[in-house]
Amino acid sequence: MSERAPRVGRRHLRKQSHPPALLPLGWRIFFLIAGWLIVIVGIAGLALPGIQGELTIVLGGALLSLASETAYWVLRWLFQRWPRGWRRIERMRRRLYRWIVRPPRH
């Protein structure tokens, strides 16, 4: 009976399979460029009226996380406190990935 109880106060990020490394090179380049452009627009939106800065930065990070494993883990770490938000981002990422790599219909 020497089982240890899991630590409740600690949050552990477990490795999950995710699509960044499996995308074709053209799509990876597209998502890197588009993600960074949207992040820059989001940063400008923090100071400018009419642009939701935080939302735009998160959207850009989600696009970056499709192409970059580092961006994926940073975004996941940032969303530790908001699991519902993380699930929504993860759902969007998976839909985009499936749409990109689906086999062509004949």
C-alpha atoms as a PDB file:
ATOM      1  CA  MET A   1       0.000   0.000   0.000  1.00  0.00           C
ATOM      2  CA  SER A   2       2.743   2.395  -0.826  1.00  0.00           C
ATOM      3  CA  GLU A   3       0.826   4.088  -3.644  1.00  0.00           C
ATOM      4  CA  ARG A   4       1.355   7.784  -3.837  1.00  0.00           C
ATOM      5  CA  ALA A   5      -1.556  10.109  -4.230  1.00  0.00           C
ATOM      6  CA  PRO A   6      -1.287  12.392  -7.256  1.00  0.00           C
ATOM      7  CA  ARG A   7      -0.242  15.937  -6.532  1.00  0.00           C
ATOM      8  CA  VAL A   8      -3.258  18.137  -6.790  1.00  0.00           C
ATOM      9  CA  GLY A   9      -1.538  21.514  -6.786  1.00  0.00           C
ATOM     10  CA  ARG A  10       0.700  20.804  -9.720  1.00  0.00           C
ATOM     11  CA  ARG A  11      -0.338  20.936 -13.303  1.00  0.00           C
ATOM     12  CA  HIS A  12       1.500  18.611 -15.599  1.00  0.00           C
ATOM     13  CA  LEU A  13       1.457  19.010 -19.332  1.00  0.00           C
ATOM     14  CA  ARG A  14       1.439  15.592 -20.843  1.00  0.00           C
ATOM     15  CA  LYS A  15       2.699  15.034 -24.321  1.00  0.00           C
ATOM     16  CA  GLN A  16      -0.059  14.695 -26.882  1.00  0.00           C
ATOM     17  CA  SER A  17       0.097  13.866 -30.518  1.00  0.00           C
ATOM     18  CA  HIS A  18      -0.481  16.991 -32.503  1.00  0.00           C
ATOM     19  CA  PRO A  19      -0.120  17.914 -36.153  1.00  0.00           C
ATOM     20  CA  PRO A  20       2.688  20.521 -36.488  1.00  0.00           C
ATOM     21  CA  ALA A  21       5.368  18.189 -37.823  1.00  0.00           C
ATOM     22  CA  LEU A  22       3.032  16.430 -40.247  1.00  0.00           C
ATOM     23  CA  LEU A  23       1.948  19.398 -42.356  1.00  0.00           C
ATOM     24  CA  PRO A  24       3.373  19.826 -45.861  1.00  0.00           C
ATOM     25  CA  LEU A  25       6.132  22.446 -46.087  1.00  0.00           C
ATOM     26  CA  GLY A  26       4.025  24.942 -48.077  1.00  0.00           C
ATOM     27  CA  TRP A  27       1.283  24.932 -45.434  1.00  0.00           C
ATOM     28  CA  ARG A  28       3.833  25.269 -42.619  1.00  0.00           C
ATOM     29  CA  ILE A  29       5.346  28.350 -44.264  1.00  0.00           C
ATOM     30  CA  PHE A  30       1.869  29.792 -44.863  1.00  0.00           C
ATOM     31  CA  PHE A  31       0.838  29.298 -41.216  1.00  0.00           C
ATOM     32  CA  LEU A  32       4.102  30.752 -39.910  1.00  0.00           C
ATOM     33  CA  ILE A  33       3.757  33.910 -42.005  1.00  0.00           C
ATOM     34  CA  ALA A  34      -0.005  34.298 -41.412  1.00  0.00           C
ATOM     35  CA  GLY A  35       0.365  33.589 -37.692  1.00  0.00           C
ATOM     36  CA  TRP A  36       3.070  36.187 -37.197  1.00  0.00           C
ATOM     37  CA  LEU A  37       1.161  38.790 -39.236  1.00  0.00           C
ATOM     38  CA  ILE A  38      -1.964  38.245 -37.129  1.00  0.00           C
ATOM     39  CA  VAL A  39       0.075  38.437 -33.900  1.00  0.00           C
ATOM     40  CA  ILE A  40       1.569  41.759 -35.062  1.00  0.00           C
ATOM     41  CA  VAL A  41      -1.904  43.094 -35.911  1.00  0.00           C
ATOM     42  CA  GLY A  42      -3.038  41.950 -32.448  1.00  0.00           C
ATOM     43  CA  ILE A  43      -0.175  43.790 -30.764  1.00  0.00           C
ATOM     44  CA  ALA A  44      -1.136  46.924 -32.687  1.00  0.00           C
ATOM     45  CA  GLY A  45      -4.748  46.263 -31.662  1.00  0.00           C
ATOM     46  CA  LEU A  46      -3.779  46.573 -28.000  1.00  0.00           C
ATOM     47  CA  ALA A  47      -3.215  50.288 -28.609  1.00  0.00           C
ATOM     48  CA  LEU A  48      -5.597  50.990 -31.492  1.00  0.00           C
ATOM     49  CA  PRO A  49      -9.373  51.179 -31.128  1.00  0.00           C
ATOM     50  CA  GLY A  50     -11.525  48.797 -33.123  1.00  0.00           C
ATOM     51  CA  ILE A  51      -9.256  45.754 -33.047  1.00  0.00           C
ATOM     52  CA  GLN A  52      -9.577  43.109 -30.341  1.00  0.00           C
ATOM     53  CA  GLY A  53      -5.893  42.829 -29.455  1.00  0.00           C
ATOM     54  CA  GLU A  54      -6.001  39.858 -27.076  1.00  0.00           C
ATOM     55  CA  LEU A  55      -8.286  37.787 -29.287  1.00  0.00           C
ATOM     56  CA  THR A  56      -6.221  38.538 -32.378  1.00  0.00           C
ATOM     57  CA  ILE A  57      -2.977  37.564 -30.628  1.00  0.00           C
ATOM     58  CA  VAL A  58      -4.522  34.265 -29.488  1.00  0.00           C
ATOM     59  CA  LEU A  59      -5.762  33.553 -33.029  1.00  0.00           C
ATOM     60  CA  GLY A  60      -2.287  34.249 -34.428  1.00  0.00           C
ATOM     61  CA  GLY A  61      -0.765  31.981 -31.783  1.00  0.00           C
ATOM     62  CA  ALA A  62      -3.198  29.223 -32.697  1.00  0.00           C
ATOM     63  CA  LEU A  63      -2.165  29.490 -36.353  1.00  0.00           C
ATOM     64  CA  LEU A  64       1.490  29.485 -35.358  1.00  0.00           C
ATOM     65  CA  SER A  65       0.920  26.388 -33.243  1.00  0.00           C
ATOM     66  CA  LEU A  66      -0.150  24.495 -36.360  1.00  0.00           C
ATOM     67  CA  ALA A  67       3.299  24.991 -37.854  1.00  0.00           C
ATOM     68  CA  SER A  68       5.553  25.177 -34.799  1.00  0.00           C
ATOM     69  CA  GLU A  69       5.790  22.712 -31.946  1.00  0.00           C
ATOM     70  CA  THR A  70       7.341  25.403 -29.724  1.00  0.00           C
ATOM     71  CA  ALA A  71       4.378  27.712 -30.349  1.00  0.00           C
ATOM     72  CA  TYR A  72       2.049  24.814 -29.534  1.00  0.00           C
ATOM     73  CA  TRP A  73       3.657  24.192 -26.125  1.00  0.00           C
ATOM     74  CA  VAL A  74       3.865  27.913 -25.280  1.00  0.00           C
ATOM     75  CA  LEU A  75       0.191  28.396 -26.133  1.00  0.00           C
ATOM     76  CA  ARG A  76      -0.743  25.320 -24.140  1.00  0.00           C
ATOM     77  CA  TRP A  77       1.256  26.571 -21.163  1.00  0.00           C
ATOM     78  CA  LEU A  78      -0.419  30.003 -21.386  1.00  0.00           C
ATOM     79  CA  PHE A  79      -3.887  28.398 -21.360  1.00  0.00           C
ATOM     80  CA  GLN A  80      -3.360  26.242 -18.261  1.00  0.00           C
ATOM     81  CA  ARG A  81      -5.768  28.420 -16.299  1.00  0.00           C
ATOM     82  CA  TRP A  82      -8.463  28.354 -18.974  1.00  0.00           C
ATOM     83  CA  PRO A  83      -9.121  24.740 -20.000  1.00  0.00           C
ATOM     84  CA  ARG A  84     -12.315  25.614 -21.905  1.00  0.00           C
ATOM     85  CA  GLY A  85     -10.410  28.130 -24.001  1.00  0.00           C
ATOM     86  CA  TRP A  86      -7.686  25.593 -24.654  1.00  0.00           C
ATOM     87  CA  ARG A  87     -10.230  22.997 -25.771  1.00  0.00           C
ATOM     88  CA  ARG A  88     -11.723  25.489 -28.228  1.00  0.00           C
ATOM     89  CA  ILE A  89      -8.300  26.303 -29.666  1.00  0.00           C
ATOM     90  CA  GLU A  90      -7.403  22.619 -29.883  1.00  0.00           C
ATOM     91  CA  ARG A  91     -10.695  21.852 -31.642  1.00  0.00           C
ATOM     92  CA  MET A  92     -10.044  24.635 -34.186  1.00  0.00           C
ATOM     93  CA  ARG A  93      -6.491  23.376 -34.771  1.00  0.00           C
ATOM     94  CA  ARG A  94      -7.648  19.805 -35.363  1.00  0.00           C
ATOM     95  CA  ARG A  95     -10.381  20.881 -37.797  1.00  0.00           C
ATOM     96  CA  LEU A  96      -7.920  22.963 -39.792  1.00  0.00           C
ATOM     97  CA  TYR A  97      -5.403  20.122 -39.817  1.00  0.00           C
ATOM     98  CA  ARG A  98      -7.977  17.563 -40.985  1.00  0.00           C
ATOM     99  CA  TRP A  99      -9.134  19.949 -43.701  1.00  0.00           C
ATOM    100  CA  ILE A 100      -5.563  20.393 -44.974  1.00  0.00           C
ATOM    101  CA  VAL A 101      -4.448  16.763 -44.981  1.00  0.00           C
ATOM    102  CA  ARG A 102      -7.720  15.132 -46.061  1.00  0.00           C
ATOM    103  CA  PRO A 103      -7.431  12.966 -49.150  1.00  0.00           C
ATOM    104  CA  PRO A 104      -8.688  14.598 -52.358  1.00  0.00           C
ATOM    105  CA  ARG A 105     -12.175  13.578 -53.487  1.00  0.00           C
ATOM    106  CA  HIS A 106     -12.597  12.148 -56.961  1.00  0.00           C
END
